[in-house]
Amino acid sequence: MAVFFTMALLAMACPLMAFDMGQSTRCVAIPNQMKVCKDVGYSEMRLPNFLGHSNLEGEVVPRSEDWRPMLQTGCHPQAQAFLCSLIAPVCLDTFIQPCRSLCVAVRDSCAPVLACQGHPWPEELDCDRFPTEEDMCLTPHAKFAHIAKDLPKPACQNCPSVDVAPAMKTVLDAFCQHDFAVTAKLHRRRLPMGEPEFDVEGRVEFIRQGPLLPYDTQHLLQQWLLINLQCANTLLRPGRSQLYVLTGSVQPDGTLALTSLFPWHKKDINIAVATRKWKHYRC
């Protein structure tokens, strides 16, 4: 996954503003193997695309896959629409670019994800390159902004502390000091093969629910793993799963911060006792 951003930046070698709107183009079906844009909402794309790529199999499809890891983080609900409008522009009578406002919305949400992994927002996606006339371009949807504000969201953070074989009181204190505590089995695939390298297996069990939502927490934790890859790499070995007790808080801006993690092995009696005592424990 470390090569993703290097490849993606190379894919941007042809600046958007160098694209000639007057050049001859053709419409082709979005191929099945172009999974990044397969369910974007239309079936035909225009070539060359806005990045200057004209070879479907040799350029467009493989370079579209370079963006999959970022899209899997869910950094913005319209990140797919924004990127696909450039790499697989819809085939209509006129060129439809993303609006500057859409670029800004996606950049403001996704640039921190890139920065978390040590990479800047590509200069070739400078939002000043895109049109401001919102009746002639792809605009952001207000409904997505409303949903995003209502749900806790993962963010880049320093790696939380990991306490192996903690004392029972340490675990109980962590439950008291933080907004939530859950148990979750984290899994790391040995070979990603286009799928997320990290995921959460099975159900997330609540010890202290706090502000977390039952239907969203599993997805929220998976997004946290995909954003904080350096931390995730230290938590799991390839091809392995591990049950963890995770505690943390939701910040005033709605971002989730994990604070203390306890790997739960069968021999960890203190964790088992702490989870049972919690129901009647007074902080």
Protein backbone atom coordinates (compact mmCIF):
# COMPACT_ATOMS: atom_id res chain seq x y z
CA MET A 1 0.00 0.00 0.00
CA ALA A 2 3.00 2.29 0.44
CA VAL A 3 3.37 2.53 -3.34
CA PHE A 4 -0.21 3.77 -3.77
CA PHE A 5 0.48 7.47 -3.35
CA THR A 6 3.61 7.38 -5.51
CA MET A 7 1.65 5.71 -8.29
CA ALA A 8 -1.26 8.06 -7.85
CA LEU A 9 0.96 11.12 -8.11
CA LEU A 10 2.55 9.70 -11.25
CA ALA A 11 -0.94 9.22 -12.62
CA MET A 12 -1.43 12.96 -12.25
CA ALA A 13 1.53 13.76 -14.47
CA CYS A 14 -0.74 15.45 -17.04
CA PRO A 15 -2.24 18.52 -15.37
CA LEU A 16 -5.97 19.02 -15.76
CA MET A 17 -5.58 22.44 -17.33
CA ALA A 18 -3.54 20.89 -20.15
CA PHE A 19 -6.59 18.91 -21.26
CA ASP A 20 -7.87 20.22 -24.58
CA MET A 21 -11.65 20.55 -24.49
CA GLY A 22 -11.66 20.75 -28.28
CA GLN A 23 -9.89 17.47 -28.93
CA SER A 24 -11.65 14.47 -30.40
CA THR A 25 -13.03 12.08 -27.79
CA ARG A 26 -14.91 8.78 -27.75
CA CYS A 27 -17.35 7.09 -25.44
CA VAL A 28 -16.62 3.65 -24.03
CA ALA A 29 -18.29 1.44 -21.45
CA ILE A 30 -16.78 1.54 -17.98
CA PRO A 31 -15.13 -1.89 -17.79
CA ASN A 32 -16.02 -4.36 -15.04
CA GLN A 33 -12.43 -4.41 -13.78
CA MET A 34 -12.56 -0.65 -13.13
CA LYS A 35 -14.20 -1.27 -9.76
CA VAL A 36 -13.42 2.19 -8.37
CA CYS A 37 -15.99 3.73 -10.73
CA LYS A 38 -18.20 0.76 -11.56
CA ASP A 39 -21.10 1.88 -9.35
CA VAL A 40 -20.62 5.61 -9.80
CA GLY A 41 -24.08 6.09 -11.36
CA TYR A 42 -23.42 5.95 -15.11
CA SER A 43 -22.15 3.25 -17.46
CA GLU A 44 -20.19 5.09 -20.18
CA MET A 45 -17.08 7.26 -19.86
CA ARG A 46 -15.23 9.61 -22.16
CA LEU A 47 -11.68 9.06 -23.45
CA PRO A 48 -9.24 10.71 -23.15
CA ASN A 49 -10.18 11.53 -19.58
CA PHE A 50 -9.45 14.80 -17.78
CA LEU A 51 -6.03 13.49 -16.75
CA GLY A 52 -5.04 12.97 -20.37
CA HIS A 53 -5.23 9.17 -20.25
CA SER A 54 -6.46 7.60 -23.50
CA ASN A 55 -5.44 3.94 -23.13
CA LEU A 56 -8.23 2.21 -21.21
CA GLU A 57 -6.44 -1.02 -20.32
CA GLY A 58 -2.92 0.36 -20.06
CA GLU A 59 -3.55 3.63 -18.18
CA VAL A 60 -7.08 4.32 -17.02
CA VAL A 61 -7.95 1.03 -15.30
CA PRO A 62 -4.67 0.38 -13.44
CA ARG A 63 -4.30 4.01 -12.36
CA SER A 64 -7.88 4.18 -11.14
CA GLU A 65 -7.05 1.36 -8.73
CA ASP A 66 -4.31 3.51 -7.19
CA TRP A 67 -7.08 5.54 -5.53
CA ARG A 68 -8.88 2.58 -4.00
CA PRO A 69 -7.09 2.70 -0.59
CA MET A 70 -8.05 6.34 -0.06
CA LEU A 71 -11.66 5.76 -1.10
CA GLN A 72 -11.89 2.79 1.27
CA THR A 73 -11.26 5.11 4.22
CA GLY A 74 -14.58 6.85 3.53
CA CYS A 75 -12.86 10.21 3.95
CA HIS A 76 -15.71 11.98 2.09
CA PRO A 77 -19.04 10.60 0.79
CA GLN A 78 -18.46 12.22 -2.62
CA ALA A 79 -14.78 11.34 -2.99
CA GLN A 80 -15.66 8.63 -5.51
CA ALA A 81 -17.84 10.98 -7.58
CA PHE A 82 -15.10 13.61 -7.57
CA LEU A 83 -12.29 11.26 -8.65
CA CYS A 84 -14.41 9.40 -11.19
CA SER A 85 -15.48 12.68 -12.81
CA LEU A 86 -11.78 13.09 -13.66
CA ILE A 87 -10.61 9.55 -14.43
CA ALA A 88 -13.90 8.32 -15.97
CA PRO A 89 -15.87 11.45 -17.00
CA VAL A 90 -19.49 10.81 -17.87
CA CYS A 91 -20.17 10.62 -21.60
CA LEU A 92 -22.63 13.45 -22.37
CA ASP A 93 -22.94 16.09 -25.07
CA THR A 94 -20.75 18.41 -22.99
CA PHE A 95 -17.81 17.99 -20.64
CA ILE A 96 -18.82 17.87 -16.97
CA GLN A 97 -16.02 18.75 -14.58
CA PRO A 98 -16.22 18.77 -10.78
CA CYS A 99 -16.99 22.20 -9.32
CA ARG A 100 -14.41 23.98 -7.26
CA SER A 101 -16.72 23.71 -4.25
CA LEU A 102 -16.82 19.90 -4.59
CA CYS A 103 -13.04 19.76 -4.87
CA VAL A 104 -12.69 21.87 -1.72
CA ALA A 105 -15.13 19.67 0.21
CA VAL A 106 -13.32 16.46 -0.79
CA ARG A 107 -9.86 17.98 -0.29
CA ASP A 108 -10.69 19.27 3.19
CA SER A 109 -11.85 15.80 4.27
CA CYS A 110 -9.37 13.60 2.40
CA ALA A 111 -6.16 15.66 2.49
CA PRO A 112 -5.76 14.92 6.24
CA VAL A 113 -5.97 11.22 5.40
CA LEU A 114 -3.13 11.60 2.90
CA ALA A 115 -1.17 13.73 5.38
CA CYS A 116 -1.64 11.07 8.06
CA GLN A 117 0.30 8.72 5.81
CA GLY A 118 2.93 11.30 4.89
CA HIS A 119 1.63 12.52 1.52
CA PRO A 120 0.32 15.91 0.39
CA TRP A 121 -2.79 16.62 -1.63
CA PRO A 122 -1.61 16.39 -5.29
CA GLU A 123 -0.82 19.77 -6.84
CA GLU A 124 -2.56 18.62 -10.01
CA LEU A 125 -5.81 18.54 -8.02
CA ASP A 126 -5.46 22.16 -6.96
CA CYS A 127 -9.07 23.22 -6.50
CA ASP A 128 -8.42 26.58 -8.18
CA ARG A 129 -8.24 24.66 -11.47
CA PHE A 130 -11.93 23.81 -11.37
CA PRO A 131 -14.88 25.98 -12.46
CA THR A 132 -16.89 28.06 -10.00
CA GLU A 133 -20.09 28.24 -12.11
CA GLU A 134 -22.09 25.56 -10.31
CA ASP A 135 -24.67 25.19 -13.08
CA MET A 136 -21.95 23.84 -15.41
CA CYS A 137 -20.16 21.36 -13.15
CA LEU A 138 -20.60 18.63 -10.54
CA THR A 139 -21.63 20.15 -7.21
CA PRO A 140 -21.45 18.83 -3.63
CA HIS A 141 -24.67 17.43 -2.17
CA ALA A 142 -25.91 19.14 0.98
CA LYS A 143 -27.46 15.90 2.30
CA PHE A 144 -24.04 14.31 2.63
CA ALA A 145 -22.76 17.22 4.69
CA HIS A 146 -25.74 16.84 7.04
CA ILE A 147 -25.15 13.11 7.51
CA ALA A 148 -21.43 13.60 8.13
CA LYS A 149 -22.11 16.10 10.91
CA ASP A 150 -24.46 13.71 12.70
CA LEU A 151 -22.13 10.69 12.88
CA PRO A 152 -18.84 10.24 14.75
CA LYS A 153 -15.99 10.05 12.27
CA PRO A 154 -12.47 8.62 12.39
CA ALA A 155 -9.45 10.88 12.16
CA CYS A 156 -5.67 10.76 12.04
CA GLN A 157 -4.16 10.58 15.51
CA ASN A 158 -1.10 9.51 17.47
CA CYS A 159 -1.09 5.79 18.13
CA PRO A 160 -3.04 4.91 21.29
CA SER A 161 -1.32 3.14 24.15
CA VAL A 162 -1.38 -0.66 24.08
CA ASP A 163 -1.29 -2.36 27.47
CA VAL A 164 -0.54 -6.08 27.42
CA ALA A 165 -1.73 -8.07 30.45
CA PRO A 166 -3.09 -5.05 32.36
CA ALA A 167 -4.21 -5.04 35.97
CA MET A 168 -7.96 -5.20 36.54
CA LYS A 169 -8.00 -1.68 38.02
CA THR A 170 -6.17 -0.33 34.96
CA VAL A 171 -8.92 -1.66 32.72
CA LEU A 172 -11.72 -0.37 34.96
CA ASP A 173 -10.07 3.07 35.16
CA ALA A 174 -9.92 3.18 31.36
CA PHE A 175 -13.65 2.42 31.22
CA CYS A 176 -14.31 5.27 33.65
CA GLN A 177 -12.08 7.86 32.05
CA HIS A 178 -13.31 7.55 28.48
CA ASP A 179 -16.59 7.99 26.61
CA PHE A 180 -16.80 4.44 25.31
CA ALA A 181 -15.34 0.97 25.62
CA VAL A 182 -15.91 -1.86 23.13
CA THR A 183 -14.53 -5.26 22.25
CA ALA A 184 -13.72 -5.93 18.61
CA LYS A 185 -11.76 -8.56 16.70
CA LEU A 186 -9.36 -6.79 14.34
CA HIS A 187 -8.05 -8.63 11.30
CA ARG A 188 -5.21 -8.02 8.86
CA ARG A 189 -5.21 -9.78 5.51
CA ARG A 190 -1.94 -11.27 4.34
CA LEU A 191 -2.65 -10.34 0.71
CA PRO A 192 -5.07 -7.39 0.25
CA MET A 193 -5.87 -8.27 -3.39
CA GLY A 194 -7.75 -4.99 -3.86
CA GLU A 195 -9.74 -5.37 -0.65
CA PRO A 196 -9.10 -3.36 2.53
CA GLU A 197 -6.01 -4.77 4.26
CA PHE A 198 -7.58 -4.25 7.70
CA ASP A 199 -11.11 -4.99 8.83
CA VAL A 200 -13.23 -5.73 11.88
CA GLU A 201 -14.49 -9.31 12.09
CA GLY A 202 -17.89 -10.12 13.50
CA ARG A 203 -19.87 -7.95 15.89
CA VAL A 204 -18.55 -5.12 17.99
CA GLU A 205 -19.65 -5.65 21.60
CA PHE A 206 -20.31 -2.62 23.78
CA ILE A 207 -18.98 -2.44 27.32
CA ARG A 208 -19.72 1.28 27.56
CA GLN A 209 -21.59 2.61 24.55
CA GLY A 210 -21.32 6.35 25.14
CA PRO A 211 -21.93 8.38 21.96
CA LEU A 212 -21.27 5.50 19.56
CA LEU A 213 -24.07 4.20 17.36
CA PRO A 214 -24.61 0.41 17.21
CA TYR A 215 -25.18 0.28 13.44
CA ASP A 216 -22.13 2.43 12.63
CA THR A 217 -19.40 1.38 15.07
CA GLN A 218 -17.96 -1.59 13.15
CA HIS A 219 -17.60 0.53 10.02
CA LEU A 220 -16.21 3.42 12.07
CA LEU A 221 -13.45 1.27 13.57
CA GLN A 222 -12.54 -0.17 10.17
CA GLN A 223 -12.20 3.34 8.76
CA TRP A 224 -10.00 4.25 11.71
CA LEU A 225 -7.68 1.33 10.87
CA LEU A 226 -7.49 2.30 7.19
CA ILE A 227 -6.70 5.95 8.00
CA ASN A 228 -4.17 5.21 10.76
CA LEU A 229 -2.21 2.61 8.83
CA GLN A 230 1.02 3.06 10.77
CA CYS A 231 -0.80 2.36 14.03
CA ALA A 232 -2.75 -0.53 12.51
CA ASN A 233 0.47 -2.14 11.31
CA THR A 234 1.75 -2.28 14.89
CA LEU A 235 -1.45 -3.86 16.20
CA LEU A 236 -1.67 -6.85 13.87
CA ARG A 237 0.63 -9.16 11.98
CA PRO A 238 -0.28 -10.11 8.39
CA GLY A 239 -2.83 -12.90 8.23
CA ARG A 240 -3.70 -12.63 11.91
CA SER A 241 -6.71 -11.61 13.98
CA GLN A 242 -6.70 -10.26 17.52
CA LEU A 243 -9.49 -9.47 19.96
CA TYR A 244 -9.05 -6.05 21.55
CA VAL A 245 -10.75 -3.98 24.19
CA LEU A 246 -10.72 -0.43 22.83
CA THR A 247 -11.48 2.70 24.83
CA GLY A 248 -11.66 6.28 23.66
CA SER A 249 -13.68 9.46 23.31
CA VAL A 250 -15.57 11.42 20.69
CA GLN A 251 -14.15 14.94 20.47
CA PRO A 252 -16.29 18.12 20.32
CA ASP A 253 -15.77 18.26 16.54
CA GLY A 254 -17.22 14.74 16.20
CA THR A 255 -13.93 12.92 15.58
CA LEU A 256 -13.22 9.63 17.30
CA ALA A 257 -9.99 9.25 19.28
CA LEU A 258 -8.88 5.84 20.54
CA THR A 259 -6.94 6.18 23.78
CA SER A 260 -6.21 2.80 25.35
CA LEU A 261 -6.12 -0.63 23.73
CA PHE A 262 -5.92 -3.95 25.55
CA PRO A 263 -5.24 -7.13 23.54
CA TRP A 264 -7.52 -9.77 25.07
CA HIS A 265 -6.00 -13.25 25.14
CA LYS A 266 -7.62 -16.27 26.75
CA LYS A 267 -5.19 -16.07 29.67
CA ASP A 268 -6.09 -12.44 30.46
CA ILE A 269 -8.32 -13.05 33.46
CA ASN A 270 -8.09 -9.43 34.61
CA ILE A 271 -9.80 -8.14 31.48
CA ALA A 272 -12.59 -10.73 31.79
CA VAL A 273 -13.17 -9.84 35.44
CA ALA A 274 -13.11 -6.09 34.68
CA THR A 275 -15.78 -6.41 31.98
CA ARG A 276 -18.02 -8.35 34.38
CA LYS A 277 -17.49 -5.95 37.29
CA TRP A 278 -18.08 -2.88 35.15
CA LYS A 279 -21.87 -3.12 35.34
CA HIS A 280 -21.76 -2.54 39.10
CA TYR A 281 -18.57 -0.49 39.31
CA ARG A 282 -18.64 3.07 40.63
CA CYS A 283 -16.06 5.35 39.06
